[in-house]
Amino acid sequence: MDEFIKPLGDKGFRTTGGFTADMNRSYKGLSSSHGGLRWGRFTTRIPILHTRIEWPELWQGILVSGTTGLAFVPILERLYGLSFEQAIAFIFVQSILIGSAAIVFGEPFAPGWITPALPLVLSFLDQSATGPQQRMQLMAAMAIDFSLLLFILGLTGWGRKLFESIPAVLRGGILLGAALSAMQRILQVEHGRFLGSQPVTLLVSTGATLFFLYSIPLRSSKIGQGWLMPVIRMGLLPGLVMGGIVGALSGELRFSPEWKGWIQIPPFGEMLAHVSPFAIGFPPVQHFVEAFPLALISYAILFADLVTGQSLLESAKASRADDPVDVDLERSHYSIAIRNLAMSVLCPFFSTQGCLWTGAHVIILERWKRGREEMPSLFGGISSYYVLGIPVLYLCIPLITGVRPLMEATLFLTLALSAYVCASLAFKLPRSSTECGTLFLIGVGLAVFPPWIGLLAGLVLAGLLCGWKGHFETE
C-alpha cells in the first residue's frame, strides 16, 4: 500500500503507452518449469500434482487466513441477515475464490482483500441501502462495475494512465477517508457491539497487535529481530490469542466449542438462495450508477497493490533464478475481474477479491528466497498458505465454534488496523500546510458523503487548492 501515495519508481515502471515491458514479461518456455495446465494467459497448478505442500505456510494459513476471514461473519449476520452457518458457507466460497488467484489463474502474489475500501463500502451501504436485499444488490453492482472496469483497463492498458492521472493529494484523501470511516464505525456506529460490550478484549487484542506489528522499539531490539520474529509474522493471531485469554479471564468471553462432530458441510444451498442475484434479483441500473465511484476508488487502491506486489517480487527474484516467475498485469486484471464477477453472483461482498495480502506475500517470499531446497516453487508456498484452495478451518466444528467468541474482536481489529495503516500512509503525503488541509477535507468528504459527492468534491478541492499535478513547495 505504500506505493499508493508515492510517485512511481524508476526501475521497471516506465510506461510506453501501456503496461511496462518489465511488468508484462511472459518468460515463455520458462513458466513450464512449475508444471501446470495452460489455458490462454492463465496456468492452473493443481496442489500436490504440480506443487508440493509447504508445511510452515500451510499451518500459518489455517490459523491466520482462516481466523482473519471470520471477521466477515458478524457483518454478514447483521447486514445480510444470514445465520452463523450460512455466513460460514459464504466465507468458505469467498476464500476459495481468493485462493484461486494463484492456484487457478497462476498469479504470483499472495492475494487478499482491497482492505482500505472496506470502510468506505460499509459507509456507503449505511447511507444507500434500506434492507438486506438492497445491500446485497448494491454489493453485486459494485463487484460487476469493478469487473467491467478491470476488463476494459486490462484490455486497453490504460490502468497505469488512470492511476497516474489521480492527483497525489486525492490519493491521500482516499486513504484518510477510509481511515475516518473505519474509526467512525467502531467508535460511533457500532460502539455498542464493540467497546460497549467487550472493552477489555478489544483494547488488549488491538494494543498487542499494534505493538507486535508496528512498534519501532520492538523491531529494532534483539528480541524483535530474534526469537519473537515468528510471532510477529503471525499477523493478527498473537493479538487475538492474548485478547481471548484476557477476555475469558475478565468474563467478557465464554468459549464453548462443540464436540458433537468433527466435520460439517456448510449449507451452501441455503446461502445461495439468500444472497445470489439469481435468487433475489439482479441490481437495477441505478445501483450500478451509485456504485461506480467506489469502483474507481477501489481500482486506484488495487493498482497500488499490484505495483507493491511486483516490487516485492522483483527484489526477491534475484535469489531464485532457478524458479522464474512471470508478472503480467493484463493477466492480473483479467483474473481479478473474473473473481469479482464470480463473487457478484455467488457471494456478493465487494472489496474481498483483491490482488495482494502484503504480510502473507512477504512471509512466503522470505522462505522462497532461501533456495530450492527450502521451497522449490513460489506457487507451492502461496498454494499452501491458502490451504491448497480449501479453507478447512470452516469445516471443523470444534475449531469454528471454539473461535466464535473472537469474531467481534477480529472484525474490530480489521477495521482498527485498516484505519491505522491508511492514516499513516495518508499522512506521509503532504508537503505543505495547504496540502494537509486539502487532504483532510477530502478524507472527511469521502467518509461522510455518498461516493459521487465525495469523489467530485475531492477532485475539485485537489484541483483548486493544490493543482492537478505536482505539489506546492513546502511552506
Protein backbone atom coordinates (compact mmCIF):
# COMPACT_ATOMS: atom_id res chain seq x y z
CA MET A 1 0.00 0.00 0.00
CA ASP A 2 2.94 2.41 0.36
CA GLU A 3 3.05 2.71 -3.44
CA PHE A 4 -0.44 4.24 -3.36
CA ILE A 5 0.95 7.55 -2.18
CA LYS A 6 4.43 7.53 -3.70
CA PRO A 7 5.48 8.61 -7.16
CA LEU A 8 6.15 5.56 -9.30
CA GLY A 9 9.66 4.25 -9.04
CA ASP A 10 12.25 4.42 -11.77
CA LYS A 11 13.10 0.74 -12.10
CA GLY A 12 10.81 -1.23 -14.30
CA PHE A 13 7.90 1.21 -14.05
CA ARG A 14 8.32 3.49 -17.06
CA THR A 15 5.28 3.44 -19.26
CA THR A 16 5.39 3.39 -23.04
CA GLY A 17 1.72 3.75 -23.80
CA GLY A 18 0.50 0.67 -21.97
CA PHE A 19 1.77 -1.56 -19.22
CA THR A 20 5.54 -1.75 -18.91
CA ALA A 21 7.59 -4.44 -20.57
CA ASP A 22 9.12 -5.42 -17.22
CA MET A 23 5.72 -5.98 -15.69
CA ASN A 24 4.39 -7.92 -18.66
CA ARG A 25 7.22 -10.33 -19.40
CA SER A 26 5.83 -13.77 -20.11
CA TYR A 27 9.03 -15.78 -19.72
CA LYS A 28 7.87 -18.11 -22.48
CA GLY A 29 9.32 -21.56 -22.11
CA LEU A 30 10.31 -20.94 -18.50
CA SER A 31 7.00 -20.98 -16.65
CA SER A 32 6.59 -24.61 -17.63
CA SER A 33 9.23 -25.48 -15.04
CA HIS A 34 6.43 -25.20 -12.49
CA GLY A 35 4.23 -27.61 -14.40
CA GLY A 36 0.57 -26.82 -14.71
CA LEU A 37 -2.29 -26.63 -17.15
CA ARG A 38 -2.07 -23.68 -19.54
CA TRP A 39 -5.29 -22.06 -20.74
CA GLY A 40 -4.83 -18.78 -22.54
CA ARG A 41 -2.89 -16.36 -20.36
CA PHE A 42 -3.56 -18.45 -17.28
CA THR A 43 -1.88 -21.50 -15.75
CA THR A 44 -3.64 -23.78 -13.28
CA ARG A 45 -1.35 -25.60 -10.85
CA ILE A 46 -3.12 -28.39 -9.00
CA PRO A 47 -1.75 -28.73 -5.44
CA ILE A 48 0.27 -31.91 -4.79
CA LEU A 49 0.22 -32.75 -8.52
CA HIS A 50 2.05 -29.59 -9.68
CA THR A 51 3.21 -28.10 -6.35
CA ARG A 52 4.32 -29.72 -3.14
CA ILE A 53 2.86 -28.92 0.28
CA GLU A 54 4.91 -26.38 2.23
CA TRP A 55 4.01 -27.23 5.81
CA PRO A 56 5.11 -23.97 7.53
CA GLU A 57 2.90 -21.97 5.17
CA LEU A 58 0.05 -24.47 5.45
CA TRP A 59 -0.20 -24.24 9.25
CA GLN A 60 0.07 -20.45 9.17
CA GLY A 61 -2.63 -20.32 6.51
CA ILE A 62 -5.05 -22.46 8.51
CA LEU A 63 -4.63 -20.29 11.59
CA VAL A 64 -4.05 -16.79 10.21
CA SER A 65 -6.03 -16.78 6.96
CA GLY A 66 -8.92 -18.69 8.46
CA THR A 67 -9.15 -16.51 11.56
CA THR A 68 -8.91 -13.31 9.53
CA GLY A 69 -11.71 -14.44 7.23
CA LEU A 70 -14.01 -14.84 10.22
CA ALA A 71 -14.09 -11.04 10.54
CA PHE A 72 -16.88 -11.04 7.97
CA VAL A 73 -19.22 -13.33 9.91
CA PRO A 74 -20.61 -10.55 12.18
CA ILE A 75 -21.02 -8.25 9.15
CA LEU A 76 -22.90 -10.92 7.19
CA GLU A 77 -25.14 -11.71 10.14
CA ARG A 78 -26.05 -8.06 10.63
CA LEU A 79 -26.13 -6.66 7.07
CA TYR A 80 -27.48 -9.68 5.21
CA GLY A 81 -29.44 -11.43 7.95
CA LEU A 82 -27.52 -14.68 7.49
CA SER A 83 -27.38 -17.34 10.16
CA PHE A 84 -23.99 -18.29 11.55
CA GLU A 85 -23.92 -21.45 9.42
CA GLN A 86 -24.90 -19.57 6.25
CA ALA A 87 -22.22 -16.96 6.95
CA ILE A 88 -19.62 -19.75 7.20
CA ALA A 89 -20.77 -21.09 3.82
CA PHE A 90 -20.46 -17.56 2.41
CA ILE A 91 -16.86 -17.02 3.55
CA PHE A 92 -15.96 -20.58 2.51
CA VAL A 93 -16.84 -19.74 -1.12
CA GLN A 94 -15.19 -16.34 -0.80
CA SER A 95 -11.97 -17.94 0.47
CA ILE A 96 -11.90 -20.42 -2.41
CA LEU A 97 -12.18 -17.52 -4.86
CA ILE A 98 -9.31 -15.69 -3.17
CA GLY A 99 -7.09 -18.78 -3.23
CA SER A 100 -7.90 -19.38 -6.91
CA ALA A 101 -5.80 -16.33 -7.84
CA ALA A 102 -2.59 -18.36 -7.62
CA ILE A 103 -3.92 -21.90 -7.96
CA VAL A 104 -6.32 -21.47 -10.90
CA PHE A 105 -5.08 -18.31 -12.63
CA GLY A 106 -1.34 -18.51 -11.93
CA GLU A 107 -0.93 -15.13 -10.23
CA PRO A 108 2.43 -14.97 -8.36
CA PHE A 109 1.08 -12.88 -5.47
CA ALA A 110 -0.43 -13.86 -2.13
CA PRO A 111 -3.95 -12.50 -2.75
CA GLY A 112 -6.09 -10.60 -0.28
CA TRP A 113 -8.80 -8.02 0.18
CA ILE A 114 -8.81 -4.45 -1.07
CA THR A 115 -8.78 -3.59 2.62
CA PRO A 116 -8.81 0.24 2.56
CA ALA A 117 -12.01 0.13 0.50
CA LEU A 118 -13.89 -1.90 3.14
CA PRO A 119 -14.78 1.00 5.50
CA LEU A 120 -15.91 3.11 2.54
CA VAL A 121 -18.07 0.24 1.27
CA LEU A 122 -19.72 -0.23 4.67
CA SER A 123 -20.34 3.50 4.99
CA PHE A 124 -21.87 3.55 1.51
CA LEU A 125 -24.26 0.74 2.46
CA ASP A 126 -25.31 2.61 5.60
CA GLN A 127 -26.13 5.67 3.50
CA SER A 128 -27.76 3.99 0.49
CA ALA A 129 -29.40 0.70 1.49
CA THR A 130 -32.59 0.16 3.49
CA GLY A 131 -32.62 -3.60 3.89
CA PRO A 132 -30.66 -6.85 3.41
CA GLN A 133 -31.79 -7.42 -0.19
CA GLN A 134 -30.83 -3.90 -1.30
CA ARG A 135 -27.44 -4.24 0.43
CA MET A 136 -26.74 -7.49 -1.41
CA GLN A 137 -27.77 -5.98 -4.74
CA LEU A 138 -25.56 -2.93 -4.15
CA MET A 139 -22.64 -5.23 -3.35
CA ALA A 140 -23.27 -7.19 -6.54
CA ALA A 141 -23.44 -3.93 -8.53
CA MET A 142 -20.09 -2.77 -7.11
CA ALA A 143 -18.44 -6.07 -7.99
CA ILE A 144 -19.84 -6.07 -11.54
CA ASP A 145 -18.82 -2.41 -12.07
CA PHE A 146 -15.34 -3.28 -10.83
CA SER A 147 -15.10 -6.33 -13.09
CA LEU A 148 -16.08 -4.36 -16.19
CA LEU A 149 -13.62 -1.61 -15.30
CA LEU A 150 -10.82 -4.17 -14.90
CA PHE A 151 -11.63 -5.88 -18.22
CA ILE A 152 -11.56 -2.56 -20.07
CA LEU A 153 -8.39 -1.25 -18.40
CA GLY A 154 -6.65 -4.60 -18.79
CA LEU A 155 -7.56 -4.85 -22.46
CA THR A 156 -6.53 -1.27 -23.31
CA GLY A 157 -3.58 -0.93 -20.94
CA TRP A 158 -5.00 2.33 -19.59
CA GLY A 159 -4.75 1.25 -15.95
CA ARG A 160 -1.46 2.97 -15.23
CA LYS A 161 -2.60 6.12 -17.02
CA LEU A 162 -5.69 6.26 -14.83
CA PHE A 163 -3.63 5.71 -11.71
CA GLU A 164 -1.10 8.40 -12.64
CA SER A 165 -3.88 10.88 -13.51
CA ILE A 166 -5.18 10.86 -9.92
CA PRO A 167 -3.69 13.82 -8.02
CA ALA A 168 -1.42 12.68 -5.21
CA VAL A 169 -3.37 14.67 -2.62
CA LEU A 170 -6.57 12.90 -3.74
CA ARG A 171 -4.89 9.51 -3.24
CA GLY A 172 -4.03 10.54 0.30
CA GLY A 173 -7.58 11.83 0.81
CA ILE A 174 -8.99 8.47 -0.25
CA LEU A 175 -6.83 6.73 2.33
CA LEU A 176 -7.74 9.21 5.05
CA GLY A 177 -11.42 8.85 4.15
CA ALA A 178 -11.11 5.09 4.62
CA ALA A 179 -9.42 5.63 8.00
CA LEU A 180 -12.10 8.05 9.19
CA SER A 181 -14.89 5.74 8.00
CA ALA A 182 -13.38 2.82 9.90
CA MET A 183 -12.98 4.81 13.13
CA GLN A 184 -16.50 6.23 12.85
CA ARG A 185 -17.86 2.71 12.56
CA ILE A 186 -16.05 1.19 15.51
CA LEU A 187 -16.36 4.21 17.85
CA GLN A 188 -19.81 5.51 16.94
CA VAL A 189 -21.97 3.47 14.57
CA GLU A 190 -21.29 0.12 16.22
CA HIS A 191 -19.94 1.18 19.61
CA GLY A 192 -22.45 -1.00 21.44
CA ARG A 193 -21.33 -4.27 19.90
CA PHE A 194 -17.64 -3.42 20.19
CA LEU A 195 -16.26 -1.31 23.04
CA GLY A 196 -19.67 -1.19 24.68
CA SER A 197 -19.66 -4.97 25.24
CA GLN A 198 -16.04 -6.21 25.06
CA PRO A 199 -13.78 -3.28 26.04
CA VAL A 200 -11.05 -5.32 27.74
CA THR A 201 -10.85 -7.93 24.98
CA LEU A 202 -10.75 -5.37 22.20
CA LEU A 203 -8.26 -2.99 23.82
CA VAL A 204 -5.85 -5.80 24.72
CA SER A 205 -6.05 -7.51 21.32
CA THR A 206 -5.69 -4.22 19.43
CA GLY A 207 -2.88 -2.90 21.63
CA ALA A 208 -0.95 -6.17 21.40
CA THR A 209 -1.38 -6.37 17.61
CA LEU A 210 -0.22 -2.79 17.08
CA PHE A 211 2.79 -3.47 19.32
CA PHE A 212 3.81 -6.66 17.53
CA LEU A 213 3.31 -5.28 14.02
CA TYR A 214 4.37 -1.63 14.26
CA SER A 215 6.44 -0.97 17.39
CA ILE A 216 9.70 0.70 16.35
CA PRO A 217 11.48 -0.15 19.65
CA LEU A 218 10.43 -3.81 19.31
CA ARG A 219 11.53 -4.06 15.69
CA SER A 220 14.93 -2.57 16.46
CA SER A 221 15.54 -4.73 19.54
CA LYS A 222 17.34 -8.07 19.60
CA ILE A 223 14.13 -9.73 20.79
CA GLY A 224 12.13 -8.37 17.86
CA GLN A 225 14.78 -9.48 15.39
CA GLY A 226 15.31 -12.82 17.10
CA TRP A 227 13.04 -15.34 18.75
CA LEU A 228 9.96 -13.09 18.66
CA MET A 229 10.07 -12.69 14.86
CA PRO A 230 7.98 -15.85 14.16
CA VAL A 231 5.32 -14.46 16.49
CA ILE A 232 5.38 -11.09 14.74
CA ARG A 233 4.93 -12.81 11.38
CA MET A 234 1.69 -14.44 12.53
CA GLY A 235 -0.16 -11.18 11.90
CA LEU A 236 -3.41 -10.82 13.83
CA LEU A 237 -3.20 -14.18 15.58
CA PRO A 238 -0.97 -13.32 18.60
CA GLY A 239 -3.05 -10.27 19.48
CA LEU A 240 -6.28 -12.24 19.14
CA VAL A 241 -4.93 -15.02 21.38
CA MET A 242 -3.91 -12.51 24.05
CA GLY A 243 -7.24 -10.72 23.80
CA GLY A 244 -9.09 -14.02 24.05
CA ILE A 245 -7.19 -15.09 27.18
CA VAL A 246 -7.74 -11.75 28.92
CA GLY A 247 -11.35 -11.63 27.75
CA ALA A 248 -12.03 -15.07 29.17
CA LEU A 249 -10.40 -14.16 32.50
CA SER A 250 -12.41 -10.93 32.71
CA GLY A 251 -15.67 -12.72 31.97
CA GLU A 252 -16.32 -10.91 28.66
CA LEU A 253 -15.85 -14.06 26.59
CA ARG A 254 -17.05 -17.61 27.11
CA PHE A 255 -15.51 -20.29 24.94
CA SER A 256 -17.67 -23.37 24.42
CA PRO A 257 -16.55 -25.48 21.45
CA GLU A 258 -18.98 -28.14 20.29
CA TRP A 259 -17.75 -31.72 20.22
CA LYS A 260 -20.84 -33.42 18.73
CA GLY A 261 -18.99 -34.00 15.50
CA TRP A 262 -15.76 -33.03 13.78
CA ILE A 263 -16.73 -32.17 10.23
CA GLN A 264 -19.66 -30.12 8.95
CA ILE A 265 -20.70 -29.26 5.41
CA PRO A 266 -21.81 -25.62 5.33
CA PRO A 267 -25.34 -25.00 3.93
CA PHE A 268 -24.28 -23.72 0.52
CA GLY A 269 -27.75 -24.10 -1.00
CA GLU A 270 -29.39 -22.03 1.74
CA MET A 271 -26.68 -19.38 1.43
CA LEU A 272 -27.04 -19.08 -2.36
CA ALA A 273 -30.83 -18.87 -2.07
CA HIS A 274 -30.40 -16.00 0.37
CA VAL A 275 -27.71 -13.90 -1.38
CA SER A 276 -27.28 -14.81 -5.06
CA PRO A 277 -28.74 -12.35 -7.60
CA PHE A 278 -30.16 -15.38 -9.39
CA ALA A 279 -32.38 -15.89 -6.33
CA ILE A 280 -33.00 -12.34 -5.04
CA GLY A 281 -32.87 -10.47 -8.37
CA PHE A 282 -30.12 -8.58 -10.17
CA PRO A 283 -29.39 -4.96 -9.27
CA PRO A 284 -31.34 -2.19 -11.06
CA VAL A 285 -29.40 0.22 -13.28
CA GLN A 286 -29.49 2.89 -10.57
CA HIS A 287 -27.35 0.70 -8.29
CA PHE A 288 -24.64 0.42 -10.94
CA VAL A 289 -24.52 4.20 -11.28
CA GLU A 290 -24.40 4.73 -7.50
CA ALA A 291 -21.65 2.15 -7.07
CA PHE A 292 -19.34 3.27 -9.88
CA PRO A 293 -17.36 5.90 -7.84
CA LEU A 294 -16.38 3.21 -5.34
CA ALA A 295 -15.22 1.02 -8.22
CA LEU A 296 -12.93 3.85 -9.37
CA ILE A 297 -11.62 4.49 -5.86
CA SER A 298 -11.01 0.77 -5.33
CA TYR A 299 -9.16 0.49 -8.63
CA ALA A 300 -6.68 3.18 -7.57
CA ILE A 301 -6.01 1.18 -4.40
CA LEU A 302 -5.80 -2.10 -6.31
CA PHE A 303 -3.28 -0.78 -8.83
CA ALA A 304 -1.08 0.41 -5.99
CA ASP A 305 -1.21 -3.12 -4.55
CA LEU A 306 -0.20 -4.56 -7.93
CA VAL A 307 2.80 -2.24 -8.05
CA THR A 308 3.72 -3.14 -4.47
CA GLY A 309 3.45 -6.89 -5.13
CA GLN A 310 5.54 -6.62 -8.28
CA SER A 311 8.20 -4.59 -6.47
CA LEU A 312 8.47 -7.15 -3.67
CA LEU A 313 8.67 -10.00 -6.17
CA GLU A 314 11.31 -8.30 -8.31
CA SER A 315 13.53 -7.74 -5.28
CA ALA A 316 13.27 -11.42 -4.32
CA LYS A 317 13.74 -12.91 -7.81
CA ALA A 318 17.48 -12.22 -7.83
CA SER A 319 17.87 -15.06 -5.32
CA ARG A 320 15.86 -17.56 -7.34
CA ALA A 321 16.96 -17.65 -10.97
CA ASP A 322 16.12 -21.37 -10.88
CA ASP A 323 12.41 -20.63 -10.34
CA PRO A 324 11.42 -17.98 -12.92
CA VAL A 325 8.15 -16.22 -12.14
CA ASP A 326 6.32 -14.01 -14.60
CA VAL A 327 4.34 -10.88 -13.75
CA ASP A 328 1.67 -9.93 -16.28
CA LEU A 329 -0.57 -7.01 -15.36
CA GLU A 330 -3.08 -7.76 -18.08
CA ARG A 331 -3.46 -11.29 -16.71
CA SER A 332 -3.84 -9.82 -13.22
CA HIS A 333 -6.62 -7.53 -14.40
CA TYR A 334 -8.47 -10.38 -16.07
CA SER A 335 -8.11 -12.80 -13.16
CA ILE A 336 -9.30 -10.24 -10.59
CA ALA A 337 -12.19 -9.30 -12.88
CA ILE A 338 -13.25 -12.94 -13.22
CA ARG A 339 -13.06 -13.49 -9.46
CA ASN A 340 -15.13 -10.38 -8.75
CA LEU A 341 -17.67 -11.38 -11.37
CA ALA A 342 -17.97 -14.85 -9.83
CA MET A 343 -18.28 -13.30 -6.38
CA SER A 344 -21.08 -10.99 -7.58
CA VAL A 345 -23.34 -13.95 -8.42
CA LEU A 346 -22.24 -16.39 -5.68
CA CYS A 347 -21.40 -14.39 -2.56
CA PRO A 348 -21.58 -10.64 -3.25
CA PHE A 349 -19.39 -8.71 -0.84
CA PHE A 350 -17.26 -6.15 -2.59
CA SER A 351 -13.59 -5.43 -1.74
CA THR A 352 -12.81 -9.03 -0.72
CA GLN A 353 -11.32 -10.09 -4.09
CA GLY A 354 -8.12 -8.08 -4.49
CA CYS A 355 -4.61 -8.96 -5.59
CA LEU A 356 -2.31 -8.73 -2.57
CA TRP A 357 -2.05 -9.55 1.12
CA THR A 358 1.27 -7.82 1.73
CA GLY A 359 2.05 -9.55 5.03
CA ALA A 360 1.48 -13.04 3.66
CA HIS A 361 3.35 -12.20 0.45
CA VAL A 362 6.44 -11.08 2.38
CA ILE A 363 6.38 -14.17 4.63
CA ILE A 364 6.23 -16.54 1.65
CA LEU A 365 8.91 -14.66 -0.29
CA GLU A 366 11.30 -14.74 2.67
CA ARG A 367 11.39 -18.55 2.72
CA TRP A 368 11.32 -18.79 -1.09
CA LYS A 369 14.49 -16.66 -1.29
CA ARG A 370 16.42 -19.22 0.76
CA GLY A 371 16.64 -21.58 -2.19
CA ARG A 372 15.20 -24.60 -3.93
CA GLU A 373 15.74 -26.96 -1.02
CA GLU A 374 13.68 -24.69 1.21
CA MET A 375 10.83 -24.03 -1.28
CA PRO A 376 11.12 -25.44 -4.82
CA SER A 377 8.32 -23.29 -6.26
CA LEU A 378 6.85 -19.97 -5.18
CA PHE A 379 3.45 -21.30 -6.17
CA GLY A 380 3.84 -24.15 -3.71
CA GLY A 381 4.27 -21.63 -0.90
CA ILE A 382 1.30 -19.50 -1.98
CA SER A 383 -0.91 -22.54 -2.54
CA SER A 384 -0.02 -23.93 0.89
CA TYR A 385 -0.66 -20.62 2.66
CA TYR A 386 -4.13 -20.65 1.14
CA VAL A 387 -4.58 -24.23 2.38
CA LEU A 388 -4.42 -25.74 -1.12
CA GLY A 389 -7.56 -23.80 -2.02
CA ILE A 390 -9.75 -25.48 0.61
CA PRO A 391 -10.40 -23.45 3.82
CA VAL A 392 -10.54 -26.49 6.10
CA LEU A 393 -10.92 -24.38 9.26
CA TYR A 394 -14.52 -23.66 8.25
CA LEU A 395 -15.31 -27.39 8.06
CA CYS A 396 -14.09 -28.31 11.56
CA ILE A 397 -16.91 -27.92 14.09
CA PRO A 398 -14.80 -27.74 17.30
CA LEU A 399 -12.47 -25.13 15.77
CA ILE A 400 -15.14 -22.91 14.25
CA THR A 401 -17.35 -22.97 17.34
CA GLY A 402 -14.31 -22.58 19.59
CA VAL A 403 -13.17 -19.33 17.97
CA ARG A 404 -16.70 -17.94 17.51
CA PRO A 405 -16.45 -15.59 20.55
CA LEU A 406 -13.44 -13.90 18.90
CA MET A 407 -15.29 -12.90 15.73
CA GLU A 408 -16.25 -9.45 17.02
CA ALA A 409 -12.63 -8.87 18.05
CA THR A 410 -11.43 -10.00 14.61
CA LEU A 411 -13.74 -7.52 12.88
CA PHE A 412 -12.76 -4.74 15.28
CA LEU A 413 -9.08 -5.47 14.65
CA THR A 414 -9.58 -5.50 10.88
CA LEU A 415 -11.24 -2.08 10.93
CA ALA A 416 -8.87 -0.57 13.52
CA LEU A 417 -5.75 -1.72 11.66
CA SER A 418 -7.23 -0.51 8.37
CA ALA A 419 -7.68 2.91 9.97
CA TYR A 420 -4.14 2.90 11.39
CA VAL A 421 -2.43 1.83 8.16
CA CYS A 422 -4.50 4.08 5.89
CA ALA A 423 -3.96 7.13 8.11
CA SER A 424 -0.23 6.50 8.47
CA LEU A 425 0.14 6.23 4.69
CA ALA A 426 -2.02 9.30 4.05
CA PHE A 427 0.00 11.44 6.47
CA LYS A 428 3.21 10.67 4.57
CA LEU A 429 1.91 12.60 1.59
CA PRO A 430 1.51 16.33 2.42
CA ARG A 431 4.42 18.64 1.73
CA SER A 432 2.71 21.85 2.80
CA SER A 433 0.03 23.08 5.16
CA THR A 434 -2.25 23.65 2.16
CA GLU A 435 -1.95 20.02 1.18
CA CYS A 436 -2.54 18.89 4.78
CA GLY A 437 -5.79 20.82 4.95
CA THR A 438 -6.92 19.71 1.50
CA LEU A 439 -6.19 16.07 2.23
CA PHE A 440 -8.17 16.33 5.47
CA LEU A 441 -11.20 17.88 3.77
CA ILE A 442 -11.16 15.26 1.02
CA GLY A 443 -10.98 12.49 3.62
CA VAL A 444 -13.90 13.91 5.60
CA GLY A 445 -15.95 14.32 2.41
CA LEU A 446 -15.39 10.72 1.36
CA ALA A 447 -16.20 9.45 4.86
CA VAL A 448 -19.38 11.50 5.32
CA PHE A 449 -20.99 11.99 1.91
CA PRO A 450 -22.13 9.47 -0.74
CA PRO A 451 -19.29 8.35 -3.05
CA TRP A 452 -20.29 10.50 -6.05
CA ILE A 453 -20.37 13.69 -3.96
CA GLY A 454 -17.22 12.83 -2.02
CA LEU A 455 -15.24 11.96 -5.15
CA LEU A 456 -16.35 15.04 -7.11
CA ALA A 457 -15.68 17.31 -4.14
CA GLY A 458 -12.24 15.74 -3.77
CA LEU A 459 -11.41 16.31 -7.43
CA VAL A 460 -12.49 19.96 -7.22
CA LEU A 461 -10.58 20.62 -3.98
CA ALA A 462 -7.43 18.91 -5.27
CA GLY A 463 -7.51 20.92 -8.49
CA LEU A 464 -8.34 24.30 -6.98
CA LEU A 465 -6.17 24.21 -3.87
CA CYS A 466 -3.15 22.10 -4.83
CA GLY A 467 -3.14 21.96 -8.61
CA TRP A 468 -3.85 18.89 -10.69
CA LYS A 469 -0.23 17.79 -10.89
CA GLY A 470 2.72 18.04 -8.54
CA HIS A 471 2.99 19.72 -5.15
CA PHE A 472 3.32 23.17 -3.79
CA GLU A 473 6.70 23.81 -2.26
CA THR A 474 6.91 23.27 1.47
CA GLU A 475 5.83 26.39 3.23
